[in-house]
């Protein structure tokens, strides 16, 4: 049976969506990933979809979800990917292993469109390295 990981952020438009897509694509034999937000914005950011497609990962069908949709689910691991979500992590998440690892919010970067794409890629790559370290190395 696959282990389940839940990625939690505030808006569920970028970082947690990237983490969900990366885990399901690369670690899908062992893990099933889900993501949600404490205050979901209601969409997946277009640049999130674009930078994931650069890795041949299609997350265009993913949607921004509320953490409340997962109430009652059991997860092996819960990862908060932003400081706000770590502070507002729902208490109902129970006995899951909880990990916080914060990443920059690429939507808050103030730069040109070209530079913004670079920021989204950097955050994607940081999430890839950090999350894989937590899930692969941390579960041996």
N, C-alpha and C. Protein backbone atom coordinates (compact mmCIF):
# COMPACT_ATOMS: atom_id res chain seq x y z
N UNK A 1 0.84 -1.19 0.00
CA UNK A 1 0.00 0.00 0.00
C UNK A 1 0.89 1.25 0.00
N UNK A 2 0.52 2.21 -0.82
CA UNK A 2 1.31 3.44 -0.92
C UNK A 2 1.18 4.28 0.35
N UNK A 3 2.28 4.94 0.69
CA UNK A 3 2.25 5.92 1.77
C UNK A 3 1.63 7.19 1.21
N UNK A 4 1.01 7.97 2.08
CA UNK A 4 0.35 9.20 1.64
C UNK A 4 1.01 10.40 2.29
N UNK A 5 1.25 11.42 1.46
CA UNK A 5 1.83 12.67 1.94
C UNK A 5 0.89 13.81 1.55
N UNK A 6 0.75 14.74 2.48
CA UNK A 6 -0.14 15.88 2.32
C UNK A 6 0.70 17.15 2.40
N UNK A 7 0.70 17.95 1.32
CA UNK A 7 1.44 19.21 1.28
C UNK A 7 0.47 20.35 1.55
N UNK A 8 0.82 21.17 2.51
CA UNK A 8 -0.07 22.24 2.93
C UNK A 8 0.65 23.58 2.80
N UNK A 9 -0.04 24.54 2.17
CA UNK A 9 0.45 25.91 2.12
C UNK A 9 -0.74 26.83 2.35
N UNK A 10 -0.60 28.08 2.05
CA UNK A 10 -1.71 29.00 2.28
C UNK A 10 -2.67 29.00 1.09
N UNK A 11 -2.20 29.39 -0.10
CA UNK A 11 -3.08 29.56 -1.24
C UNK A 11 -3.29 28.34 -2.10
N UNK A 12 -2.40 27.36 -2.01
CA UNK A 12 -2.47 26.14 -2.83
C UNK A 12 -2.51 26.47 -4.31
N UNK A 13 -1.63 27.42 -4.72
CA UNK A 13 -1.56 27.74 -6.14
C UNK A 13 -0.18 27.47 -6.72
N UNK A 14 0.84 27.34 -5.87
CA UNK A 14 2.21 27.19 -6.38
C UNK A 14 2.97 26.07 -5.69
N UNK A 15 3.51 26.36 -4.51
CA UNK A 15 4.48 25.46 -3.86
C UNK A 15 3.91 24.09 -3.56
N UNK A 16 2.77 24.03 -2.93
CA UNK A 16 2.20 22.71 -2.60
C UNK A 16 1.76 21.98 -3.86
N UNK A 17 1.33 22.72 -4.88
CA UNK A 17 0.96 22.10 -6.16
C UNK A 17 2.19 21.48 -6.83
N UNK A 18 3.32 22.20 -6.77
CA UNK A 18 4.56 21.67 -7.33
C UNK A 18 4.96 20.39 -6.60
N UNK A 19 4.91 20.43 -5.28
CA UNK A 19 5.29 19.26 -4.48
C UNK A 19 4.41 18.06 -4.81
N UNK A 20 3.10 18.28 -4.90
CA UNK A 20 2.17 17.20 -5.24
C UNK A 20 2.53 16.60 -6.60
N UNK A 21 2.74 17.44 -7.58
CA UNK A 21 3.06 16.96 -8.92
C UNK A 21 4.38 16.22 -8.99
N UNK A 22 5.40 16.74 -8.32
CA UNK A 22 6.71 16.11 -8.33
C UNK A 22 6.68 14.73 -7.68
N UNK A 23 6.04 14.64 -6.52
CA UNK A 23 5.98 13.35 -5.82
C UNK A 23 5.18 12.33 -6.62
N UNK A 24 4.02 12.72 -7.11
CA UNK A 24 3.20 11.77 -7.86
C UNK A 24 3.89 11.31 -9.14
N UNK A 25 4.68 12.19 -9.74
CA UNK A 25 5.38 11.83 -10.97
C UNK A 25 6.59 10.94 -10.71
N UNK A 26 7.44 11.37 -9.79
CA UNK A 26 8.71 10.68 -9.58
C UNK A 26 8.68 9.58 -8.52
N UNK A 27 7.81 9.70 -7.54
CA UNK A 27 7.77 8.73 -6.45
C UNK A 27 6.44 8.00 -6.37
N UNK A 28 5.68 8.03 -7.45
CA UNK A 28 4.33 7.47 -7.46
C UNK A 28 4.23 5.99 -7.18
N UNK A 29 5.31 5.25 -7.31
CA UNK A 29 5.25 3.83 -6.98
C UNK A 29 5.14 3.60 -5.48
N UNK A 30 5.67 4.55 -4.70
CA UNK A 30 5.70 4.40 -3.25
C UNK A 30 4.80 5.38 -2.51
N UNK A 31 4.57 6.57 -3.09
CA UNK A 31 3.83 7.64 -2.43
C UNK A 31 2.65 8.11 -3.28
N UNK A 32 1.60 8.55 -2.61
CA UNK A 32 0.50 9.27 -3.23
C UNK A 32 0.47 10.63 -2.54
N UNK A 33 0.60 11.69 -3.32
CA UNK A 33 0.65 13.04 -2.78
C UNK A 33 -0.65 13.79 -3.00
N UNK A 34 -0.98 14.63 -2.04
CA UNK A 34 -2.14 15.51 -2.09
C UNK A 34 -1.66 16.89 -1.66
N UNK A 35 -2.39 17.92 -2.06
CA UNK A 35 -2.05 19.26 -1.59
C UNK A 35 -3.31 20.05 -1.34
N UNK A 36 -3.17 21.05 -0.46
CA UNK A 36 -4.30 21.93 -0.15
C UNK A 36 -3.75 23.20 0.49
N UNK A 37 -4.66 24.14 0.72
CA UNK A 37 -4.27 25.40 1.35
C UNK A 37 -5.16 25.73 2.53
N UNK A 38 -4.60 26.51 3.45
CA UNK A 38 -5.39 26.97 4.58
C UNK A 38 -6.35 28.07 4.15
N UNK A 39 -6.02 28.78 3.06
CA UNK A 39 -6.88 29.81 2.47
C UNK A 39 -6.70 29.75 0.95
N UNK A 40 -7.24 28.70 0.30
CA UNK A 40 -6.98 28.49 -1.13
C UNK A 40 -7.47 29.65 -1.99
N UNK A 41 -6.65 29.95 -3.01
CA UNK A 41 -6.99 31.07 -3.90
C UNK A 41 -7.95 30.66 -5.02
N UNK A 42 -8.10 29.37 -5.25
CA UNK A 42 -9.08 28.92 -6.23
C UNK A 42 -8.53 28.62 -7.61
N UNK A 43 -7.22 28.70 -7.79
CA UNK A 43 -6.63 28.39 -9.10
C UNK A 43 -5.19 27.95 -8.90
N UNK A 44 -4.67 27.23 -9.89
CA UNK A 44 -3.25 26.90 -9.92
C UNK A 44 -2.59 27.95 -10.81
N UNK A 45 -1.56 28.58 -10.29
CA UNK A 45 -0.90 29.67 -11.01
C UNK A 45 -0.39 29.17 -12.36
N UNK A 46 -0.64 29.92 -13.43
CA UNK A 46 -0.19 29.49 -14.77
C UNK A 46 1.31 29.21 -14.87
N UNK A 47 2.14 29.99 -14.17
CA UNK A 47 3.58 29.73 -14.23
C UNK A 47 3.95 28.44 -13.49
N UNK A 48 3.16 28.07 -12.51
CA UNK A 48 3.38 26.78 -11.84
C UNK A 48 3.17 25.66 -12.84
N UNK A 49 2.09 25.73 -13.58
CA UNK A 49 1.80 24.72 -14.60
C UNK A 49 2.91 24.70 -15.66
N UNK A 50 3.36 25.89 -16.06
CA UNK A 50 4.39 25.99 -17.09
C UNK A 50 5.71 25.38 -16.65
N UNK A 51 6.19 25.72 -15.45
CA UNK A 51 7.50 25.20 -15.04
C UNK A 51 7.45 23.71 -14.75
N UNK A 52 6.30 23.21 -14.37
CA UNK A 52 6.17 21.76 -14.17
C UNK A 52 6.16 21.05 -15.52
N UNK A 53 5.54 21.67 -16.52
CA UNK A 53 5.50 21.05 -17.85
C UNK A 53 6.90 20.97 -18.46
N UNK A 54 7.80 21.85 -18.03
CA UNK A 54 9.18 21.77 -18.50
C UNK A 54 9.86 20.47 -18.07
N UNK A 55 9.32 19.84 -17.04
CA UNK A 55 9.82 18.54 -16.57
C UNK A 55 8.95 17.39 -17.07
N UNK A 56 8.07 17.70 -18.03
CA UNK A 56 7.10 16.73 -18.56
C UNK A 56 6.14 16.24 -17.49
N UNK A 57 5.77 17.13 -16.57
CA UNK A 57 4.78 16.83 -15.54
C UNK A 57 3.58 17.73 -15.80
N UNK A 58 2.46 17.12 -16.11
CA UNK A 58 1.24 17.87 -16.42
C UNK A 58 0.39 17.99 -15.15
N UNK A 59 0.35 19.19 -14.60
CA UNK A 59 -0.50 19.42 -13.43
C UNK A 59 -1.69 20.32 -13.79
N UNK A 60 -1.97 20.45 -15.07
CA UNK A 60 -3.03 21.35 -15.52
C UNK A 60 -4.41 20.94 -15.02
N UNK A 61 -4.56 19.70 -14.61
CA UNK A 61 -5.87 19.24 -14.10
C UNK A 61 -5.97 19.34 -12.57
N UNK A 62 -4.84 19.67 -11.93
CA UNK A 62 -4.88 19.87 -10.48
C UNK A 62 -5.66 21.14 -10.20
N UNK A 63 -6.21 21.24 -8.99
CA UNK A 63 -6.99 22.43 -8.63
C UNK A 63 -6.62 22.87 -7.23
N UNK A 64 -6.86 24.11 -6.95
CA UNK A 64 -6.61 24.67 -5.63
C UNK A 64 -7.72 24.18 -4.70
N UNK A 65 -7.30 23.57 -3.57
CA UNK A 65 -8.26 22.94 -2.66
C UNK A 65 -8.08 23.45 -1.24
N UNK A 66 -9.13 23.37 -0.46
CA UNK A 66 -9.08 23.71 0.95
C UNK A 66 -8.63 22.50 1.76
N UNK A 67 -7.86 22.76 2.79
CA UNK A 67 -7.43 21.68 3.69
C UNK A 67 -8.63 20.95 4.28
N UNK A 68 -9.75 21.65 4.44
CA UNK A 68 -10.94 21.02 5.02
C UNK A 68 -11.47 19.86 4.19
N UNK A 69 -11.17 19.86 2.89
CA UNK A 69 -11.60 18.74 2.03
C UNK A 69 -10.97 17.42 2.46
N UNK A 70 -9.88 17.50 3.20
CA UNK A 70 -9.14 16.29 3.58
C UNK A 70 -9.36 15.90 5.04
N UNK A 71 -10.29 16.56 5.70
CA UNK A 71 -10.61 16.25 7.09
C UNK A 71 -11.00 14.77 7.18
N UNK A 72 -10.40 14.07 8.09
CA UNK A 72 -10.71 12.65 8.27
C UNK A 72 -9.77 11.72 7.52
N UNK A 73 -8.98 12.26 6.59
CA UNK A 73 -8.00 11.43 5.87
C UNK A 73 -6.81 11.15 6.78
N UNK A 74 -6.23 9.99 6.60
CA UNK A 74 -5.01 9.63 7.33
C UNK A 74 -3.81 9.77 6.40
N UNK A 75 -2.81 10.51 6.84
CA UNK A 75 -1.60 10.70 6.05
C UNK A 75 -0.41 10.20 6.86
N UNK A 76 0.55 9.60 6.17
CA UNK A 76 1.79 9.20 6.83
C UNK A 76 2.60 10.44 7.21
N UNK A 77 2.61 11.41 6.29
CA UNK A 77 3.43 12.60 6.48
C UNK A 77 2.66 13.83 6.02
N UNK A 78 2.75 14.90 6.80
CA UNK A 78 2.19 16.19 6.43
C UNK A 78 3.36 17.17 6.36
N UNK A 79 3.48 17.86 5.22
CA UNK A 79 4.58 18.80 5.03
C UNK A 79 3.99 20.19 4.79
N UNK A 80 4.31 21.12 5.67
CA UNK A 80 3.93 22.51 5.42
C UNK A 80 5.07 23.16 4.64
N UNK A 81 4.71 23.83 3.55
CA UNK A 81 5.72 24.40 2.65
C UNK A 81 5.80 25.92 2.73
N UNK A 82 5.06 26.51 3.68
CA UNK A 82 5.19 27.94 3.93
C UNK A 82 4.98 28.19 5.42
N UNK A 83 5.57 29.28 5.90
CA UNK A 83 5.51 29.58 7.33
C UNK A 83 4.09 29.80 7.82
N UNK A 84 3.27 30.47 7.03
CA UNK A 84 1.89 30.74 7.44
C UNK A 84 1.12 29.43 7.64
N UNK A 85 1.28 28.50 6.73
CA UNK A 85 0.58 27.22 6.87
C UNK A 85 1.07 26.47 8.10
N UNK A 86 2.35 26.58 8.40
CA UNK A 86 2.89 25.91 9.60
C UNK A 86 2.23 26.47 10.86
N UNK A 87 2.02 27.78 10.88
CA UNK A 87 1.37 28.42 12.04
C UNK A 87 -0.11 28.07 12.11
N UNK A 88 -0.74 27.87 10.96
CA UNK A 88 -2.18 27.63 10.90
C UNK A 88 -2.53 26.20 10.51
N UNK A 89 -1.62 25.28 10.76
CA UNK A 89 -1.84 23.88 10.40
C UNK A 89 -3.06 23.34 11.15
N UNK A 90 -4.01 22.75 10.44
CA UNK A 90 -5.22 22.26 11.10
C UNK A 90 -4.91 21.21 12.17
N UNK A 91 -5.57 21.35 13.31
CA UNK A 91 -5.32 20.44 14.42
C UNK A 91 -5.82 19.03 14.13
N UNK A 92 -6.74 18.88 13.19
CA UNK A 92 -7.32 17.56 12.92
C UNK A 92 -6.38 16.64 12.16
N UNK A 93 -5.19 17.10 11.83
CA UNK A 93 -4.27 16.26 11.07
C UNK A 93 -3.71 15.10 11.88
N UNK A 94 -4.04 15.04 13.15
CA UNK A 94 -3.79 13.85 13.95
C UNK A 94 -2.35 13.45 14.16
N UNK A 95 -2.09 12.15 14.04
CA UNK A 95 -0.80 11.57 14.38
C UNK A 95 0.19 11.49 13.22
N UNK A 96 -0.09 12.15 12.14
CA UNK A 96 0.83 12.15 11.00
C UNK A 96 2.17 12.73 11.41
N UNK A 97 3.23 12.24 10.77
CA UNK A 97 4.53 12.87 10.94
C UNK A 97 4.45 14.25 10.30
N UNK A 98 4.71 15.30 11.07
CA UNK A 98 4.59 16.66 10.56
C UNK A 98 5.98 17.26 10.38
N UNK A 99 6.19 17.84 9.21
CA UNK A 99 7.47 18.44 8.87
C UNK A 99 7.19 19.83 8.30
N UNK A 100 8.00 20.79 8.70
CA UNK A 100 7.90 22.12 8.08
C UNK A 100 9.18 22.41 7.31
N UNK A 101 9.01 22.80 6.09
CA UNK A 101 10.13 23.26 5.28
C UNK A 101 9.61 24.39 4.40
N UNK A 102 9.98 25.60 4.72
CA UNK A 102 9.45 26.77 4.03
C UNK A 102 10.19 27.09 2.74
N UNK A 103 9.43 27.50 1.76
CA UNK A 103 9.98 27.93 0.47
C UNK A 103 9.45 29.32 0.15
N UNK A 104 10.25 30.08 -0.59
CA UNK A 104 9.85 31.41 -1.03
C UNK A 104 8.56 31.30 -1.86
N UNK A 105 7.67 32.27 -1.69
CA UNK A 105 6.45 32.31 -2.50
C UNK A 105 6.77 33.02 -3.80
N UNK A 106 6.84 32.28 -4.92
CA UNK A 106 7.23 32.92 -6.18
C UNK A 106 6.24 33.97 -6.66
N UNK A 107 4.99 33.91 -6.22
CA UNK A 107 4.01 34.89 -6.66
C UNK A 107 4.26 36.26 -6.05
N UNK A 108 5.07 36.32 -5.02
CA UNK A 108 5.35 37.60 -4.36
C UNK A 108 6.62 38.27 -4.86
N UNK A 109 7.30 37.64 -5.78
CA UNK A 109 8.52 38.22 -6.34
C UNK A 109 8.16 39.46 -7.17
N UNK A 110 8.94 40.49 -7.00
CA UNK A 110 8.72 41.72 -7.78
C UNK A 110 9.86 41.86 -8.76
N UNK A 111 9.58 41.44 -9.99
CA UNK A 111 10.60 41.46 -11.04
C UNK A 111 9.90 41.38 -12.40
N UNK A 112 10.69 41.37 -13.43
CA UNK A 112 10.13 41.27 -14.78
C UNK A 112 9.52 39.89 -14.98
N UNK A 113 8.70 39.74 -16.01
CA UNK A 113 8.09 38.45 -16.31
C UNK A 113 9.14 37.37 -16.57
N UNK A 114 10.20 37.74 -17.26
CA UNK A 114 11.27 36.78 -17.56
C UNK A 114 11.97 36.34 -16.27
N UNK A 115 12.24 37.29 -15.39
CA UNK A 115 12.88 36.96 -14.11
C UNK A 115 11.94 36.15 -13.22
N UNK A 116 10.63 36.42 -13.32
CA UNK A 116 9.65 35.69 -12.52
C UNK A 116 9.65 34.21 -12.87
N UNK A 117 9.79 33.91 -14.14
CA UNK A 117 9.86 32.52 -14.58
C UNK A 117 11.07 31.84 -13.95
N UNK A 118 12.18 32.54 -13.86
CA UNK A 118 13.39 32.00 -13.22
C UNK A 118 13.11 31.71 -11.74
N UNK A 119 12.41 32.61 -11.06
CA UNK A 119 12.08 32.41 -9.65
C UNK A 119 11.21 31.17 -9.48
N UNK A 120 10.20 31.00 -10.32
CA UNK A 120 9.34 29.81 -10.26
C UNK A 120 10.16 28.53 -10.45
N UNK A 121 11.10 28.57 -11.39
CA UNK A 121 11.96 27.39 -11.62
C UNK A 121 12.83 27.10 -10.40
N UNK A 122 13.38 28.15 -9.81
CA UNK A 122 14.24 27.96 -8.63
C UNK A 122 13.46 27.33 -7.49
N UNK A 123 12.26 27.83 -7.25
CA UNK A 123 11.42 27.28 -6.17
C UNK A 123 11.07 25.83 -6.47
N UNK A 124 10.72 25.54 -7.72
CA UNK A 124 10.42 24.16 -8.12
C UNK A 124 11.60 23.24 -7.83
N UNK A 125 12.79 23.68 -8.21
CA UNK A 125 13.98 22.85 -8.02
C UNK A 125 14.33 22.68 -6.54
N UNK A 126 14.13 23.72 -5.74
CA UNK A 126 14.36 23.62 -4.29
C UNK A 126 13.39 22.63 -3.66
N UNK A 127 12.13 22.71 -4.07
CA UNK A 127 11.12 21.79 -3.55
C UNK A 127 11.50 20.36 -3.93
N UNK A 128 11.91 20.17 -5.16
CA UNK A 128 12.30 18.83 -5.63
C UNK A 128 13.40 18.26 -4.73
N UNK A 129 14.47 19.02 -4.53
CA UNK A 129 15.59 18.54 -3.71
C UNK A 129 15.17 18.28 -2.26
N UNK A 130 14.50 19.23 -1.67
CA UNK A 130 14.16 19.14 -0.24
C UNK A 130 13.13 18.04 0.04
N UNK A 131 12.08 18.00 -0.75
CA UNK A 131 11.01 17.03 -0.51
C UNK A 131 11.51 15.61 -0.76
N UNK A 132 12.29 15.42 -1.79
CA UNK A 132 12.81 14.08 -2.07
C UNK A 132 13.74 13.64 -0.95
N UNK A 133 14.50 14.59 -0.40
CA UNK A 133 15.34 14.26 0.74
C UNK A 133 14.52 13.82 1.94
N UNK A 134 13.40 14.47 2.16
CA UNK A 134 12.53 14.11 3.28
C UNK A 134 11.85 12.77 3.08
N UNK A 135 11.32 12.55 1.88
CA UNK A 135 10.53 11.34 1.64
C UNK A 135 11.36 10.11 1.32
N UNK A 136 12.44 10.28 0.59
CA UNK A 136 13.26 9.13 0.19
C UNK A 136 14.25 8.78 1.29
N UNK A 137 15.06 9.74 1.67
CA UNK A 137 16.09 9.47 2.68
C UNK A 137 15.49 9.33 4.06
N UNK A 138 14.43 10.08 4.34
CA UNK A 138 13.82 10.07 5.67
C UNK A 138 13.00 8.83 5.97
N UNK A 139 12.80 7.97 5.00
CA UNK A 139 11.97 6.78 5.21
C UNK A 139 12.71 5.49 4.97
N UNK A 140 13.98 5.50 5.17
CA UNK A 140 14.77 4.26 5.00
C UNK A 140 14.88 3.54 6.30
